[in-house]
Protein backbone atom coordinates (compact mmCIF):
# COMPACT_ATOMS: atom_id res chain seq x y z
CA MET A 1 -3.74 7.74 26.41
CA LYS A 2 -7.04 8.76 28.58
CA GLU A 3 -7.96 10.54 25.19
CA ILE A 4 -8.04 7.18 23.59
CA LYS A 5 -9.95 5.56 26.00
CA LYS A 6 -12.46 8.27 25.72
CA GLN A 7 -12.39 8.19 22.12
CA LEU A 8 -13.37 4.48 22.38
CA SER A 9 -16.15 4.92 24.77
CA GLU A 10 -17.75 6.74 21.92
CA THR A 11 -16.61 4.62 18.81
CA ILE A 12 -17.19 1.61 20.16
CA PRO A 13 -20.86 1.52 21.04
CA PHE A 14 -21.68 3.07 17.73
CA LEU A 15 -20.15 0.32 15.92
CA GLN A 16 -21.79 -2.02 18.04
CA SER A 17 -25.33 -0.53 16.98
CA LYS A 18 -24.42 -1.25 13.42
CA THR A 19 -23.01 -4.78 13.52
CA ASN A 20 -23.28 -8.24 15.92
CA VAL A 21 -20.19 -9.00 14.34
CA GLU A 22 -17.51 -9.63 17.36
CA PRO A 23 -14.28 -10.06 15.35
CA LYS A 24 -11.35 -12.03 15.92
CA LEU A 25 -9.12 -10.63 13.43
CA GLY A 26 -8.65 -7.26 11.91
CA LEU A 27 -7.39 -6.29 8.49
CA ILE A 28 -5.78 -3.26 7.35
CA LEU A 29 -6.46 -3.65 3.67
CA GLY A 30 -3.64 -1.44 2.32
CA THR A 31 -2.56 -1.63 -1.39
CA GLY A 32 -2.04 -5.21 -2.40
CA MET A 33 -4.99 -6.56 -0.27
CA GLY A 34 -7.55 -4.34 -1.56
CA LYS A 35 -9.64 -7.83 -2.92
CA VAL A 36 -9.67 -9.63 0.10
CA ALA A 37 -12.88 -6.74 0.97
CA GLU A 38 -14.66 -8.76 -1.91
CA THR A 39 -14.41 -11.99 -0.22
CA ILE A 40 -15.49 -11.24 2.95
CA ASP A 41 -19.05 -12.09 3.68
CA LYS A 42 -20.40 -8.72 4.70
CA GLU A 43 -22.82 -7.78 7.57
CA ALA A 44 -22.16 -4.17 7.66
CA ILE A 45 -20.05 -1.34 5.50
CA ILE A 46 -19.80 1.80 7.32
CA PRO A 47 -17.94 4.84 5.92
CA TYR A 48 -14.89 6.24 8.00
CA ALA A 49 -16.81 9.86 7.50
CA ASN A 50 -19.87 8.10 9.89
CA ILE A 51 -17.53 7.05 12.48
CA PRO A 52 -17.05 9.15 15.41
CA ASN A 53 -13.29 9.79 15.82
CA PHE A 54 -12.26 8.28 12.88
CA ALA A 55 -9.95 10.33 10.46
CA VAL A 56 -11.00 10.11 6.49
CA SER A 57 -8.45 8.49 4.06
CA THR A 58 -7.40 11.23 1.73
CA VAL A 59 -5.48 9.05 -1.09
CA GLU A 60 -7.23 8.39 -4.10
CA SER A 61 -7.07 4.43 -3.69
CA HIS A 62 -8.37 4.14 -0.47
CA ALA A 63 -12.10 3.16 -0.42
CA GLY A 64 -12.63 4.71 3.08
CA ASN A 65 -14.99 1.90 4.66
CA LEU A 66 -14.97 -0.40 7.75
CA ILE A 67 -16.25 -3.51 6.94
CA PHE A 68 -17.76 -6.36 9.70
CA GLY A 69 -18.50 -9.84 8.25
CA HIS A 70 -16.83 -13.04 8.17
CA LEU A 71 -13.96 -14.01 5.96
CA LYS A 72 -13.83 -17.88 5.42
CA GLY A 73 -16.08 -18.41 8.58
CA VAL A 74 -13.97 -15.84 10.98
CA PRO A 75 -15.08 -12.90 11.98
CA VAL A 76 -13.50 -9.91 10.68
CA MET A 77 -13.33 -6.24 10.80
CA ALA A 78 -11.60 -4.79 7.37
CA MET A 79 -10.30 -1.32 7.13
CA GLN A 80 -10.95 -0.66 3.38
CA GLY A 81 -7.83 1.73 3.33
CA ARG A 82 -5.77 3.49 5.88
CA PHE A 83 -4.08 6.78 6.61
CA HIS A 84 -0.89 7.81 6.89
CA TYR A 85 1.71 10.47 8.76
CA TYR A 86 2.02 11.91 5.25
CA GLU A 87 -1.87 13.21 5.02
CA GLY A 88 -1.03 15.57 8.27
CA TYR A 89 -2.49 13.08 10.51
CA ASP A 90 -0.59 12.59 13.93
CA MET A 91 0.30 8.71 14.69
CA LYS A 92 -2.66 8.22 17.67
CA THR A 93 -5.16 9.25 14.72
CA ILE A 94 -3.00 6.96 12.43
CA THR A 95 -3.41 4.07 14.59
CA TYR A 96 -6.60 4.56 16.34
CA PRO A 97 -8.27 1.66 14.05
CA VAL A 98 -5.87 -0.54 15.65
CA ARG A 99 -7.11 0.24 19.21
CA VAL A 100 -11.11 -0.39 18.08
CA MET A 101 -10.09 -3.76 16.63
CA LYS A 102 -8.50 -4.55 20.23
CA ALA A 103 -11.59 -2.99 22.02
CA LEU A 104 -14.35 -5.31 19.62
CA GLY A 105 -12.55 -8.40 20.68
CA ALA A 106 -9.82 -9.05 17.97
CA ASP A 107 -6.44 -10.26 19.31
CA THR A 108 -4.69 -10.68 15.82
CA MET A 109 -3.96 -8.31 13.02
CA ILE A 110 -3.30 -8.99 9.20
CA VAL A 111 -1.48 -5.14 7.57
CA SER A 112 -0.52 -5.07 3.79
CA CYS A 113 1.72 -2.15 2.19
CA ALA A 114 3.25 -1.17 -1.24
CA VAL A 115 6.62 -0.73 -1.00
CA GLY A 116 9.83 -0.19 -3.08
CA ALA A 117 12.42 -3.16 -3.20
CA LEU A 118 15.94 -2.32 -2.19
CA ASN A 119 16.98 -5.77 -2.05
CA PRO A 120 18.29 -6.63 -6.08
CA LEU A 121 17.04 -10.18 -5.48
CA PHE A 122 13.31 -8.83 -5.47
CA ARG A 123 11.06 -7.72 -8.43
CA PRO A 124 8.18 -6.07 -8.76
CA GLY A 125 4.97 -8.00 -8.12
CA ASP A 126 6.50 -10.11 -5.72
CA ILE A 127 5.02 -10.71 -1.87
CA MET A 128 7.34 -9.74 0.54
CA LEU A 129 6.40 -11.57 4.68
CA ILE A 130 7.34 -9.07 6.58
CA VAL A 131 10.03 -10.39 9.39
CA ASP A 132 11.12 -7.11 11.07
CA HIS A 133 10.99 -3.06 10.55
CA ILE A 134 12.50 0.07 11.08
CA ASN A 135 10.96 2.89 11.81
CA LEU A 136 12.18 6.10 10.38
CA LEU A 137 8.89 7.87 10.44
CA GLY A 138 10.52 10.43 12.99
CA ASP A 139 7.74 9.72 15.71
CA ASN A 140 6.20 7.07 17.50
CA PRO A 141 2.07 6.36 18.71
CA LEU A 142 3.30 5.68 21.99
CA ARG A 143 5.20 8.86 22.51
CA GLY A 144 3.23 10.78 25.84
CA VAL A 145 1.69 9.40 29.21
CA ASN A 146 0.93 5.66 28.88
CA ASP A 147 -2.01 4.27 29.85
CA ASP A 148 -1.37 0.63 31.78
CA GLU A 149 -4.64 -0.63 30.50
CA LEU A 150 -3.82 -0.25 26.88
CA GLY A 151 -0.50 -1.98 27.41
CA PRO A 152 2.90 -1.78 28.83
CA ARG A 153 5.00 1.28 28.89
CA PHE A 154 8.26 -0.61 26.90
CA PRO A 155 6.76 -2.85 24.99
CA ASP A 156 9.12 -5.79 23.31
CA MET A 157 9.47 -5.32 19.80
CA SER A 158 11.50 -8.52 19.29
CA ARG A 159 8.67 -10.56 17.75
CA ALA A 160 6.99 -7.87 16.22
CA TYR A 161 5.60 -9.87 13.70
CA THR A 162 4.30 -13.05 15.19
CA PRO A 163 6.66 -15.70 14.18
CA GLU A 164 3.79 -18.63 14.46
CA LEU A 165 1.81 -16.59 11.70
CA ARG A 166 4.82 -16.36 9.73
CA LYS A 167 5.43 -19.91 9.82
CA LEU A 168 1.88 -20.37 8.46
CA ALA A 169 2.12 -17.76 5.63
CA GLU A 170 5.03 -19.76 4.60
CA LYS A 171 3.61 -23.01 4.53
CA VAL A 172 0.39 -21.92 2.74
CA ALA A 173 2.34 -20.18 0.32
CA LEU A 174 4.33 -22.93 -0.84
CA GLU A 175 1.11 -25.28 -0.89
CA SER A 176 -0.18 -22.87 -2.97
CA GLY A 177 2.79 -22.10 -5.55
CA VAL A 178 3.08 -18.40 -4.93
CA ARG A 179 6.66 -16.69 -4.33
CA LEU A 180 6.76 -15.34 -0.90
CA VAL A 181 10.15 -13.41 -0.37
CA GLN A 182 10.76 -12.15 3.34
CA GLY A 183 12.52 -9.34 4.40
CA VAL A 184 12.76 -6.30 6.39
CA LEU A 185 10.51 -3.40 6.20
CA VAL A 186 11.69 0.48 6.69
CA SER A 187 9.03 3.08 7.00
CA VAL A 188 9.33 7.15 6.29
CA MET A 189 7.43 9.63 6.43
CA GLY A 190 6.55 10.22 2.63
CA PRO A 191 4.93 11.72 0.74
CA ASN A 192 7.49 12.22 -1.89
CA LEU A 193 10.02 8.62 -3.08
CA GLU A 194 13.39 9.04 -2.05
CA THR A 195 16.63 10.16 -3.44
CA ALA A 196 18.84 7.37 -4.67
CA ALA A 197 21.26 8.53 -1.62
CA GLU A 198 18.70 8.14 0.67
CA TYR A 199 17.74 4.17 -1.32
CA ARG A 200 21.45 3.51 -0.53
CA PHE A 201 21.56 4.28 3.19
CA PHE A 202 18.13 2.11 3.89
CA ARG A 203 19.70 -0.91 1.97
CA THR A 204 23.09 0.03 4.18
CA ILE A 205 21.15 -0.14 7.78
CA GLY A 206 19.65 -3.72 6.46
CA ALA A 207 16.37 -2.63 4.69
CA ASP A 208 14.98 -4.72 1.78
CA VAL A 209 12.15 -2.49 0.78
CA VAL A 210 10.81 1.13 1.91
CA GLY A 211 7.23 1.90 2.52
CA MET A 212 5.66 4.77 4.39
CA SER A 213 2.89 2.82 6.78
CA THR A 214 2.25 -0.35 8.75
CA VAL A 215 4.91 0.26 11.40
CA PRO A 216 2.76 2.81 13.67
CA GLU A 217 0.05 0.51 13.52
CA CYS A 218 2.47 -2.94 14.13
CA ILE A 219 3.37 -0.81 17.08
CA VAL A 220 0.09 -0.17 18.54
CA ALA A 221 -0.97 -3.64 17.72
CA VAL A 222 2.07 -5.21 19.78
CA HIS A 223 1.40 -2.69 22.63
CA SER A 224 -2.22 -4.11 22.90
CA GLY A 225 -0.87 -7.83 23.01
CA MET A 226 -1.80 -8.66 19.40
CA ARG A 227 -0.40 -10.82 17.03
CA VAL A 228 0.54 -9.21 13.83
CA LEU A 229 1.32 -10.50 10.22
CA GLY A 230 2.37 -8.19 7.56
CA PHE A 231 2.94 -8.68 4.24
CA SER A 232 4.54 -5.81 1.56
CA LEU A 233 3.57 -5.94 -1.96
CA ILE A 234 6.91 -4.81 -4.23
CA THR A 235 5.41 -2.31 -6.89
CA ASP A 236 8.77 -0.44 -8.01
CA MET A 237 12.48 -1.25 -7.79
CA CYS A 238 14.62 1.21 -5.57
CA LEU A 239 18.17 0.21 -6.49
CA PRO A 240 20.48 3.31 -6.07
CA ASP A 241 22.58 2.48 -9.25
CA ALA A 242 19.98 1.62 -11.61
CA LEU A 243 17.25 3.73 -10.27
CA GLU A 244 14.49 4.85 -12.88
CA PRO A 245 11.45 7.53 -12.58
CA ALA A 246 8.57 5.99 -10.07
CA THR A 247 5.28 7.36 -11.09
CA LEU A 248 2.02 6.50 -8.87
CA GLU A 249 0.45 4.63 -12.15
CA LYS A 250 3.03 2.68 -12.89
CA ILE A 251 2.89 1.86 -9.21
CA LEU A 252 -1.07 1.42 -9.02
CA GLU A 253 -0.59 -0.93 -11.93
CA VAL A 254 1.67 -3.16 -10.73
CA ALA A 255 -0.45 -3.48 -7.28
CA SER A 256 -3.28 -3.88 -8.96
CA LYS A 257 -1.94 -6.91 -11.40
CA ALA A 258 -0.46 -8.53 -7.93
CA ASP A 259 -3.68 -7.92 -5.64
CA ALA A 260 -5.49 -10.83 -6.43
CA LYS A 261 -2.17 -12.99 -6.04
CA LEU A 262 -1.70 -11.89 -2.21
CA SER A 263 -5.54 -11.20 -1.73
CA GLY A 264 -5.98 -15.00 -2.31
CA LEU A 265 -2.86 -15.97 -0.68
CA VAL A 266 -4.37 -14.08 2.79
CA ALA A 267 -7.92 -15.77 2.18
CA GLU A 268 -5.87 -19.46 2.42
CA ILE A 269 -3.81 -18.24 5.32
CA VAL A 270 -7.06 -17.01 7.63
CA PRO A 271 -9.52 -20.25 8.04
CA LYS A 272 -5.87 -22.18 9.02
CA MET A 273 -5.29 -19.22 11.90
CA LYS A 274 -6.06 -20.26 15.70
CA PHE A 275 -8.38 -17.98 17.47
């Protein structure tokens, strides 16, 4: 944790030299929220490769830029692409941008991810509001010596995804006529997609969708005292008794079609938030 504070002492002054925006909201524009970047009134776009202590996204669909600006009048810091455990990064590297959000003044985070559906009532293209998660990544970003200045040793996760923000999302979706399902995300290491037996296990333990991200960022946000709103974009069905091979091309095609819907919903939610 002391290493994180040292890194922040290098990263924060660099970013403040590039922009005067003081973000109230941090956005992780994972799969499904890419078009949010188009609606931000941008004041600075900084490639991850130029930022001290930032990793570089190796996933082809992730642009790898940090955007500062305003979304519907709200000052934001937006990650255009994220880092994953399967890329070989450790948990502290993956979640470091969340520490940066908090250090710059953001007290709320919105995050999205692509997932496969375990719940047979869901369908590709649906947006799922994350109500809870299961961490099967095999690691935790808080492992190691804790720094009480960054957060408590044993943060409570009973309301990891902020209830009042979820209620707001439900209200806006209903008013906008957007189908919004709700459920539990299980996060696994990847990068391979899972076997039928694994999907059956995930469903048995209470998961509605499976993905390879978001949980580490949520844990660190809660540890930092931030509010969290999470969405999963369903790109394929993972029903063990009716399993069909999935390809990256198919997944990205579904995500591309649904991106505008989720991005539009987020753009409607943000100005209704209280900061």
